[in-house]
Amino acid sequence: MEHWLKAEKLIAARAKPVGEKPAKESDDLKKITGIGPVLAKKLNAMGITAFGQIAAFTPEDVDRIGGALKCRTKMLGNDWIGQAKKLSLT
């Protein structure tokens, strides 16, 4: 499990997408369709606290995080990445 957490820290450390608003402590991930309070808490525990982080997910990130949280279908079906990109610019 420890190696998995290290991978999540790498996701958190990625450069923010071009045009993203300045980072703040955390975003309200519940604004993304399909993320409720429980899932937001789990994502935050993994170090995923900002829309920019979700917007930067790669297919491998979706597989790993979605698999770990058992929400891969929800991530893809609700287009979390697309929603996060829009929200990170507002």
N, C-alpha and C. Protein backbone atom coordinates (compact mmCIF):
# COMPACT_ATOMS: atom_id res chain seq x y z
N MET A 1 0.83 -1.20 0.00
CA MET A 1 0.00 0.00 0.00
C MET A 1 0.87 1.26 0.00
N GLU A 2 2.03 1.17 0.63
CA GLU A 2 2.88 2.35 0.72
C GLU A 2 3.35 2.81 -0.66
N HIS A 3 3.68 1.88 -1.55
CA HIS A 3 4.11 2.27 -2.89
C HIS A 3 2.98 2.95 -3.65
N TRP A 4 1.76 2.55 -3.37
CA TRP A 4 0.59 3.15 -4.03
C TRP A 4 0.43 4.59 -3.58
N LEU A 5 0.64 4.85 -2.30
CA LEU A 5 0.53 6.21 -1.79
C LEU A 5 1.61 7.11 -2.39
N LYS A 6 2.79 6.55 -2.62
CA LYS A 6 3.85 7.33 -3.25
C LYS A 6 3.44 7.74 -4.65
N ALA A 7 2.79 6.83 -5.37
CA ALA A 7 2.32 7.14 -6.72
C ALA A 7 1.29 8.27 -6.67
N GLU A 8 0.44 8.26 -5.69
CA GLU A 8 -0.57 9.30 -5.56
C GLU A 8 0.08 10.65 -5.26
N LYS A 9 1.17 10.65 -4.51
CA LYS A 9 1.87 11.90 -4.23
C LYS A 9 2.47 12.47 -5.51
N LEU A 10 2.89 11.58 -6.42
CA LEU A 10 3.40 12.05 -7.71
C LEU A 10 2.31 12.74 -8.51
N ILE A 11 1.11 12.19 -8.48
CA ILE A 11 -0.02 12.82 -9.17
C ILE A 11 -0.24 14.21 -8.58
N ALA A 12 -0.20 14.31 -7.27
CA ALA A 12 -0.43 15.59 -6.60
C ALA A 12 0.65 16.61 -6.95
N ALA A 13 1.85 16.14 -7.25
CA ALA A 13 2.96 17.04 -7.51
C ALA A 13 3.06 17.48 -8.97
N ARG A 14 2.25 16.91 -9.84
CA ARG A 14 2.32 17.26 -11.26
C ARG A 14 2.07 18.74 -11.47
N ALA A 15 2.67 19.24 -12.54
CA ALA A 15 2.45 20.64 -12.90
C ALA A 15 0.99 20.85 -13.25
N LYS A 16 0.48 22.01 -12.91
CA LYS A 16 -0.92 22.28 -13.21
C LYS A 16 -1.09 22.55 -14.70
N PRO A 17 -2.26 22.22 -15.26
CA PRO A 17 -2.49 22.47 -16.68
C PRO A 17 -2.40 23.95 -17.02
N VAL A 18 -2.05 24.24 -18.27
CA VAL A 18 -1.94 25.61 -18.74
C VAL A 18 -3.27 26.32 -18.56
N GLY A 19 -3.25 27.50 -18.04
CA GLY A 19 -4.47 28.29 -17.87
C GLY A 19 -5.22 28.01 -16.58
N GLU A 20 -4.71 27.11 -15.77
CA GLU A 20 -5.42 26.80 -14.52
C GLU A 20 -5.30 27.98 -13.57
N LYS A 21 -6.37 28.21 -12.82
CA LYS A 21 -6.33 29.28 -11.83
C LYS A 21 -5.28 28.95 -10.77
N PRO A 22 -4.81 29.92 -10.04
CA PRO A 22 -3.82 29.66 -9.00
C PRO A 22 -4.35 28.64 -7.99
N ALA A 23 -3.47 27.78 -7.55
CA ALA A 23 -3.87 26.72 -6.62
C ALA A 23 -4.24 27.32 -5.26
N LYS A 24 -5.21 26.71 -4.65
CA LYS A 24 -5.55 27.06 -3.29
C LYS A 24 -5.43 25.79 -2.46
N GLU A 25 -5.75 25.84 -1.20
CA GLU A 25 -5.56 24.67 -0.37
C GLU A 25 -6.30 23.47 -0.92
N SER A 26 -7.58 23.60 -1.24
CA SER A 26 -8.33 22.50 -1.81
C SER A 26 -9.58 23.02 -2.48
N ASP A 27 -10.07 22.23 -3.41
CA ASP A 27 -11.32 22.54 -4.09
C ASP A 27 -12.42 21.65 -3.52
N ASP A 28 -13.65 22.02 -3.74
CA ASP A 28 -14.78 21.20 -3.32
C ASP A 28 -15.04 20.17 -4.41
N LEU A 29 -14.42 19.01 -4.27
CA LEU A 29 -14.52 17.97 -5.29
C LEU A 29 -15.95 17.48 -5.50
N LYS A 30 -16.83 17.77 -4.54
CA LYS A 30 -18.23 17.35 -4.67
C LYS A 30 -18.95 18.11 -5.77
N LYS A 31 -18.33 19.15 -6.32
CA LYS A 31 -18.93 19.87 -7.44
C LYS A 31 -18.88 19.04 -8.73
N ILE A 32 -18.06 17.99 -8.74
CA ILE A 32 -17.97 17.09 -9.88
C ILE A 32 -19.06 16.04 -9.74
N THR A 33 -19.87 15.89 -10.78
CA THR A 33 -20.95 14.91 -10.76
C THR A 33 -20.36 13.53 -10.51
N GLY A 34 -20.92 12.83 -9.54
CA GLY A 34 -20.47 11.48 -9.22
C GLY A 34 -19.56 11.42 -8.01
N ILE A 35 -19.12 12.58 -7.52
CA ILE A 35 -18.30 12.61 -6.31
C ILE A 35 -19.16 13.14 -5.18
N GLY A 36 -19.44 12.26 -4.25
CA GLY A 36 -20.20 12.65 -3.07
C GLY A 36 -19.26 12.84 -1.89
N PRO A 37 -19.81 13.07 -0.71
CA PRO A 37 -18.97 13.32 0.47
C PRO A 37 -18.00 12.18 0.79
N VAL A 38 -18.45 10.95 0.66
CA VAL A 38 -17.59 9.80 1.00
C VAL A 38 -16.44 9.69 0.02
N LEU A 39 -16.74 9.77 -1.27
CA LEU A 39 -15.70 9.66 -2.28
C LEU A 39 -14.74 10.85 -2.22
N ALA A 40 -15.26 12.03 -1.95
CA ALA A 40 -14.40 13.22 -1.82
C ALA A 40 -13.42 13.03 -0.66
N LYS A 41 -13.90 12.46 0.43
CA LYS A 41 -13.04 12.22 1.59
C LYS A 41 -11.94 11.21 1.24
N LYS A 42 -12.30 10.17 0.50
CA LYS A 42 -11.31 9.16 0.10
C LYS A 42 -10.27 9.76 -0.85
N LEU A 43 -10.72 10.58 -1.79
CA LEU A 43 -9.79 11.23 -2.71
C LEU A 43 -8.86 12.17 -1.95
N ASN A 44 -9.41 12.94 -1.02
CA ASN A 44 -8.59 13.85 -0.21
C ASN A 44 -7.55 13.07 0.60
N ALA A 45 -7.94 11.91 1.12
CA ALA A 45 -7.00 11.08 1.88
C ALA A 45 -5.85 10.59 1.01
N MET A 46 -6.10 10.48 -0.29
CA MET A 46 -5.06 10.06 -1.24
C MET A 46 -4.22 11.25 -1.69
N GLY A 47 -4.54 12.46 -1.23
CA GLY A 47 -3.80 13.64 -1.61
C GLY A 47 -4.38 14.35 -2.82
N ILE A 48 -5.54 13.91 -3.27
CA ILE A 48 -6.20 14.53 -4.42
C ILE A 48 -7.22 15.51 -3.87
N THR A 49 -6.88 16.80 -3.95
CA THR A 49 -7.71 17.82 -3.32
C THR A 49 -8.10 18.95 -4.26
N ALA A 50 -7.61 18.91 -5.50
CA ALA A 50 -7.85 20.03 -6.42
C ALA A 50 -8.35 19.55 -7.77
N PHE A 51 -9.16 20.39 -8.41
CA PHE A 51 -9.68 20.07 -9.73
C PHE A 51 -8.53 19.87 -10.73
N GLY A 52 -7.48 20.65 -10.59
CA GLY A 52 -6.34 20.54 -11.50
C GLY A 52 -5.69 19.18 -11.46
N GLN A 53 -5.68 18.56 -10.30
CA GLN A 53 -5.11 17.21 -10.18
C GLN A 53 -5.95 16.21 -10.97
N ILE A 54 -7.26 16.30 -10.83
CA ILE A 54 -8.14 15.37 -11.56
C ILE A 54 -8.07 15.66 -13.05
N ALA A 55 -8.00 16.93 -13.42
CA ALA A 55 -7.90 17.31 -14.83
C ALA A 55 -6.64 16.73 -15.47
N ALA A 56 -5.60 16.50 -14.68
CA ALA A 56 -4.33 15.99 -15.20
C ALA A 56 -4.23 14.47 -15.16
N PHE A 57 -5.30 13.78 -14.74
CA PHE A 57 -5.26 12.32 -14.69
C PHE A 57 -4.95 11.74 -16.07
N THR A 58 -4.10 10.74 -16.08
CA THR A 58 -3.82 9.97 -17.29
C THR A 58 -4.72 8.74 -17.28
N PRO A 59 -4.81 8.01 -18.39
CA PRO A 59 -5.59 6.76 -18.37
C PRO A 59 -5.09 5.79 -17.29
N GLU A 60 -3.80 5.79 -17.05
CA GLU A 60 -3.25 4.92 -16.00
C GLU A 60 -3.72 5.36 -14.62
N ASP A 61 -3.80 6.67 -14.41
CA ASP A 61 -4.31 7.20 -13.13
C ASP A 61 -5.76 6.78 -12.93
N VAL A 62 -6.55 6.89 -14.00
CA VAL A 62 -7.97 6.50 -13.92
C VAL A 62 -8.09 5.02 -13.56
N ASP A 63 -7.28 4.19 -14.20
CA ASP A 63 -7.32 2.76 -13.89
C ASP A 63 -6.91 2.48 -12.45
N ARG A 64 -5.82 3.11 -12.01
CA ARG A 64 -5.31 2.83 -10.68
C ARG A 64 -6.23 3.40 -9.59
N ILE A 65 -6.57 4.66 -9.72
CA ILE A 65 -7.39 5.30 -8.68
C ILE A 65 -8.82 4.77 -8.74
N GLY A 66 -9.35 4.68 -9.95
CA GLY A 66 -10.71 4.15 -10.11
C GLY A 66 -10.83 2.72 -9.62
N GLY A 67 -9.79 1.93 -9.85
CA GLY A 67 -9.79 0.55 -9.37
C GLY A 67 -9.70 0.49 -7.86
N ALA A 68 -8.83 1.30 -7.30
CA ALA A 68 -8.65 1.29 -5.84
C ALA A 68 -9.91 1.74 -5.11
N LEU A 69 -10.61 2.73 -5.67
CA LEU A 69 -11.82 3.26 -5.02
C LEU A 69 -13.10 2.63 -5.57
N LYS A 70 -12.93 1.72 -6.52
CA LYS A 70 -14.06 1.04 -7.15
C LYS A 70 -15.05 2.04 -7.76
N CYS A 71 -14.48 3.01 -8.49
CA CYS A 71 -15.32 4.04 -9.09
C CYS A 71 -14.90 4.36 -10.53
N ARG A 72 -14.15 3.45 -11.17
CA ARG A 72 -13.63 3.72 -12.52
C ARG A 72 -14.77 4.03 -13.49
N THR A 73 -15.83 3.23 -13.48
CA THR A 73 -16.96 3.44 -14.37
C THR A 73 -17.60 4.79 -14.12
N LYS A 74 -17.72 5.16 -12.85
CA LYS A 74 -18.30 6.45 -12.48
C LYS A 74 -17.40 7.59 -12.98
N MET A 75 -16.08 7.41 -12.88
CA MET A 75 -15.13 8.43 -13.33
C MET A 75 -15.30 8.68 -14.83
N LEU A 76 -15.37 7.61 -15.59
CA LEU A 76 -15.47 7.72 -17.04
C LEU A 76 -16.86 8.16 -17.47
N GLY A 77 -17.89 7.58 -16.88
CA GLY A 77 -19.27 7.89 -17.25
C GLY A 77 -19.67 9.32 -16.99
N ASN A 78 -19.14 9.88 -15.92
CA ASN A 78 -19.45 11.27 -15.56
C ASN A 78 -18.40 12.25 -16.07
N ASP A 79 -17.40 11.76 -16.79
CA ASP A 79 -16.33 12.59 -17.35
C ASP A 79 -15.72 13.51 -16.29
N TRP A 80 -15.20 12.90 -15.24
CA TRP A 80 -14.59 13.67 -14.16
C TRP A 80 -13.48 14.57 -14.69
N ILE A 81 -12.69 14.06 -15.63
CA ILE A 81 -11.56 14.85 -16.14
C ILE A 81 -12.06 16.10 -16.85
N GLY A 82 -13.06 15.94 -17.71
CA GLY A 82 -13.61 17.09 -18.42
C GLY A 82 -14.24 18.11 -17.48
N GLN A 83 -15.00 17.60 -16.50
CA GLN A 83 -15.61 18.50 -15.52
C GLN A 83 -14.54 19.24 -14.73
N ALA A 84 -13.50 18.51 -14.33
CA ALA A 84 -12.43 19.11 -13.53
C ALA A 84 -11.70 20.18 -14.33
N LYS A 85 -11.51 19.95 -15.63
CA LYS A 85 -10.84 20.95 -16.46
C LYS A 85 -11.65 22.24 -16.49
N LYS A 86 -12.97 22.12 -16.66
CA LYS A 86 -13.82 23.30 -16.68
C LYS A 86 -13.82 24.01 -15.33
N LEU A 87 -13.92 23.24 -14.26
CA LEU A 87 -13.96 23.83 -12.92
C LEU A 87 -12.62 24.46 -12.53
N SER A 88 -11.52 23.93 -13.03
CA SER A 88 -10.21 24.49 -12.66
C SER A 88 -9.98 25.84 -13.32
N LEU A 89 -10.75 26.13 -14.35
CA LEU A 89 -10.59 27.41 -15.05
C LEU A 89 -11.51 28.49 -14.51
N THR A 90 -12.47 28.12 -13.67
CA THR A 90 -13.42 29.11 -13.17
C THR A 90 -12.95 29.77 -11.90
